[in-house]
Amino acid sequence: MFAPGKVVSLDRTVDKRDLDAGALRAASALDSLGIGEGTAIAAFMRNDFPLFEAQGAATLLGAYFVTINWHLRGAEAEYILTDSEAKALIVHADLLGEIRDLIPTGISVFVVPTPDEIAAAYGIDARTRSEALPPRRRSDCHVCHCSPPHAEGVSTLLHPDGRCCRGASVGLP
C-alpha cells in the first residue's frame, strides 16, 4: 500500500517524520555509547519500524549497519556478530533467546518489542515477545519497560542512564 510521507507495514502506518525522529533518538543513544563513524551496529530482527530507525541512526552516525538474517542460528550468526566487531546489537525480544549466548562481551544490547502482526504470523506468545531475558554473557542489556508501553512503531532504544527514548524511567535487567 502506498501512502505519501508514510511507511506502511500490514495494519500499521508510521509517518516518515516519526521514523526520522526515532532515528535521531536512536543515534543519540548510540552516540552516547561511543558508537560513531566507522563503528558497526548489528541488528537481529525482522523488517520492522525499529529496524528502519536503527538503519537511519547508523547513517546519521556514519556507522556501518550489519543486518544478521534472523533465520541464522549458532555459528553463522555468531561469526557475523563477532567478525563485524559490532559495538551494539538491536534485537526483537522474541529472538534474544536465539542469540543471547552468542553475544560477545562488551556489546550493548537493545531489545525492542516484537509487534503484534509479526507475533501472529509466527505464532509467538505474548510473554516471549515482551519479556526478554538478558544475555548470559557480560554485555550491557538495555530493555524498555515503559508503562504505559510505547505506541506501536516507536523505538524503545534506551540511553545509558536507564531512560528510554521518551524520557520515562525504566528498569534495566
Protein backbone atom coordinates (compact mmCIF):
# COMPACT_ATOMS: atom_id res chain seq x y z
CA MET A 1 0.00 0.00 0.00
CA PHE A 2 1.37 3.43 -0.93
CA ALA A 3 0.79 6.38 1.38
CA PRO A 4 2.73 9.59 0.67
CA GLY A 5 5.02 10.52 3.56
CA LYS A 6 4.19 7.31 5.40
CA VAL A 7 5.68 3.86 5.85
CA VAL A 8 3.14 1.02 5.93
CA SER A 9 3.61 -2.42 7.46
CA LEU A 10 0.45 -4.51 7.18
CA ASP A 11 -2.01 -2.75 9.53
CA ARG A 12 0.50 -0.26 10.98
CA THR A 13 1.32 3.08 9.44
CA VAL A 14 4.03 5.43 10.67
CA ASP A 15 4.66 8.93 9.44
CA LYS A 16 8.12 9.35 7.87
CA ARG A 17 8.79 12.27 10.25
CA ASP A 18 8.19 9.95 13.22
CA LEU A 19 10.68 7.42 11.81
CA ASP A 20 13.20 10.21 11.32
CA ALA A 21 12.65 11.36 14.93
CA GLY A 22 13.15 7.77 16.11
CA ALA A 23 16.38 7.57 14.11
CA LEU A 24 17.60 10.76 15.82
CA ARG A 25 16.77 9.34 19.28
CA ALA A 26 18.49 6.08 18.42
CA ALA A 27 21.52 7.96 17.08
CA SER A 28 21.69 9.94 20.33
CA ALA A 29 21.57 6.77 22.45
CA LEU A 30 24.18 5.03 20.29
CA ASP A 31 26.41 8.11 20.16
CA SER A 32 26.38 8.32 23.96
CA LEU A 33 27.88 4.81 23.97
CA GLY A 34 30.73 5.92 21.72
CA ILE A 35 29.28 4.50 18.53
CA GLY A 36 30.04 6.70 15.58
CA GLU A 37 31.84 6.94 12.29
CA GLY A 38 33.45 3.68 11.25
CA THR A 39 31.97 1.55 14.04
CA ALA A 40 29.36 -1.16 13.47
CA ILE A 41 25.81 -1.67 14.72
CA ALA A 42 24.25 -5.11 14.25
CA ALA A 43 20.55 -5.97 14.01
CA PHE A 44 18.99 -9.39 14.58
CA MET A 45 15.36 -8.70 13.82
CA ARG A 46 12.68 -8.88 11.21
CA ASN A 47 11.72 -5.98 8.96
CA ASP A 48 10.03 -3.58 11.36
CA PHE A 49 9.94 0.13 12.14
CA PRO A 50 12.71 -0.01 14.80
CA LEU A 51 14.93 -1.68 12.18
CA PHE A 52 14.37 1.29 9.87
CA GLU A 53 15.10 3.69 12.75
CA ALA A 54 18.34 1.85 13.55
CA GLN A 55 19.39 1.97 9.89
CA GLY A 56 18.71 5.70 9.89
CA ALA A 57 20.70 6.13 13.11
CA ALA A 58 23.67 4.31 11.60
CA THR A 59 23.55 6.60 8.58
CA LEU A 60 23.42 9.71 10.79
CA LEU A 61 26.41 8.47 12.79
CA GLY A 62 28.45 7.29 9.81
CA ALA A 63 28.39 3.79 11.34
CA TYR A 64 28.17 0.52 9.46
CA PHE A 65 24.83 -1.25 9.71
CA VAL A 66 25.14 -5.04 9.80
CA THR A 67 21.93 -6.99 9.35
CA ILE A 68 22.09 -10.56 10.65
CA ASN A 69 19.47 -12.71 8.96
CA TRP A 70 17.09 -13.70 11.75
CA HIS A 71 16.83 -17.21 10.29
CA LEU A 72 20.51 -17.86 11.09
CA ARG A 73 21.40 -19.71 14.24
CA GLY A 74 24.54 -20.82 16.00
CA ALA A 75 27.93 -20.47 14.37
CA GLU A 76 26.74 -18.44 11.35
CA ALA A 77 25.08 -15.73 13.43
CA GLU A 78 27.96 -15.72 15.92
CA TYR A 79 30.51 -15.36 13.11
CA ILE A 80 28.74 -12.34 11.61
CA LEU A 81 28.29 -10.69 15.01
CA THR A 82 31.91 -11.28 16.01
CA ASP A 83 33.51 -10.58 12.62
CA SER A 84 31.61 -7.30 12.23
CA GLU A 85 33.08 -6.06 15.54
CA ALA A 86 29.68 -4.52 16.28
CA LYS A 87 29.55 -2.28 19.33
CA ALA A 88 25.75 -2.58 19.62
CA LEU A 89 23.14 -5.20 18.82
CA ILE A 90 19.47 -4.43 18.29
CA VAL A 91 17.20 -7.46 18.60
CA HIS A 92 13.49 -8.29 18.65
CA ALA A 93 12.51 -9.51 22.12
CA ASP A 94 11.40 -12.94 20.93
CA LEU A 95 14.71 -13.50 19.10
CA LEU A 96 17.01 -12.63 22.00
CA GLY A 97 16.91 -16.19 23.32
CA GLU A 98 18.18 -17.41 19.93
CA ILE A 99 21.31 -15.25 20.01
CA ARG A 100 21.98 -14.28 23.64
CA ASP A 101 24.63 -16.96 24.22
CA LEU A 102 26.47 -15.81 21.10
CA ILE A 103 26.83 -12.16 22.09
CA PRO A 104 30.49 -11.22 22.61
CA THR A 105 31.49 -9.33 25.75
CA GLY A 106 31.26 -5.57 25.52
CA ILE A 107 28.37 -5.27 23.05
CA SER A 108 25.50 -3.05 24.16
CA VAL A 109 22.24 -4.88 23.51
CA PHE A 110 18.99 -3.04 22.74
CA VAL A 111 15.82 -5.12 22.89
CA VAL A 112 12.71 -3.97 21.02
CA PRO A 113 9.25 -5.49 21.39
CA THR A 114 8.00 -7.87 18.73
CA PRO A 115 4.93 -6.24 17.11
CA ASP A 116 1.53 -7.92 17.14
CA GLU A 117 1.37 -8.74 13.43
CA ILE A 118 4.79 -10.43 13.50
CA ALA A 119 3.83 -12.36 16.63
CA ALA A 120 0.59 -13.50 14.99
CA ALA A 121 2.31 -14.51 11.74
CA TYR A 122 4.92 -16.63 13.53
CA GLY A 123 2.85 -17.92 16.45
CA ILE A 124 4.88 -16.07 19.09
CA ASP A 125 3.23 -15.91 22.51
CA ALA A 126 2.83 -12.59 24.29
CA ARG A 127 5.29 -13.42 27.08
CA THR A 128 8.10 -14.26 24.66
CA ARG A 129 7.70 -11.05 22.71
CA SER A 130 7.65 -8.74 25.71
CA GLU A 131 9.72 -10.36 28.47
CA ALA A 132 13.19 -10.59 27.00
CA LEU A 133 15.88 -12.29 29.03
CA PRO A 134 19.20 -10.50 29.42
CA PRO A 135 22.18 -12.06 27.68
CA ARG A 136 24.12 -14.65 29.68
CA ARG A 137 27.46 -13.15 28.70
CA ARG A 138 28.74 -9.87 30.10
CA SER A 139 27.10 -7.39 27.77
CA ASP A 140 25.17 -4.27 28.59
CA CYS A 141 21.49 -5.05 28.06
CA HIS A 142 19.00 -2.23 27.67
CA VAL A 143 15.35 -3.24 27.84
CA CYS A 144 12.46 -0.80 27.85
CA HIS A 145 9.74 -1.49 30.42
CA CYS A 146 7.79 1.75 29.98
CA SER A 147 4.37 1.98 31.48
CA PRO A 148 2.27 2.56 29.54
CA PRO A 149 4.17 0.81 26.75
CA HIS A 150 5.36 2.65 23.69
CA ALA A 151 2.89 3.25 20.91
CA GLU A 152 3.35 0.88 18.01
CA GLY A 153 6.16 1.93 15.72
CA VAL A 154 8.01 3.93 18.37
CA SER A 155 11.59 2.92 19.09
CA THR A 156 12.48 1.59 22.52
CA LEU A 157 16.20 2.31 22.39
CA LEU A 158 17.49 3.45 25.75
CA HIS A 159 20.02 5.98 26.84
CA PRO A 160 22.77 4.53 29.04
CA ASP A 161 21.42 6.39 32.08
CA GLY A 162 18.45 4.00 32.07
CA ARG A 163 15.93 6.25 30.39
CA CYS A 164 14.01 5.22 27.32
CA CYS A 165 13.74 7.29 24.17
CA ARG A 166 10.63 9.00 25.57
CA GLY A 167 12.40 10.00 28.75
CA ALA A 168 10.40 7.69 31.03
CA SER A 169 12.29 5.93 33.79
CA VAL A 170 12.83 2.27 33.14
CA GLY A 171 14.35 -0.67 34.94
CA LEU A 172 17.39 -2.36 33.46
CA PRO A 173 17.67 -6.11 33.97
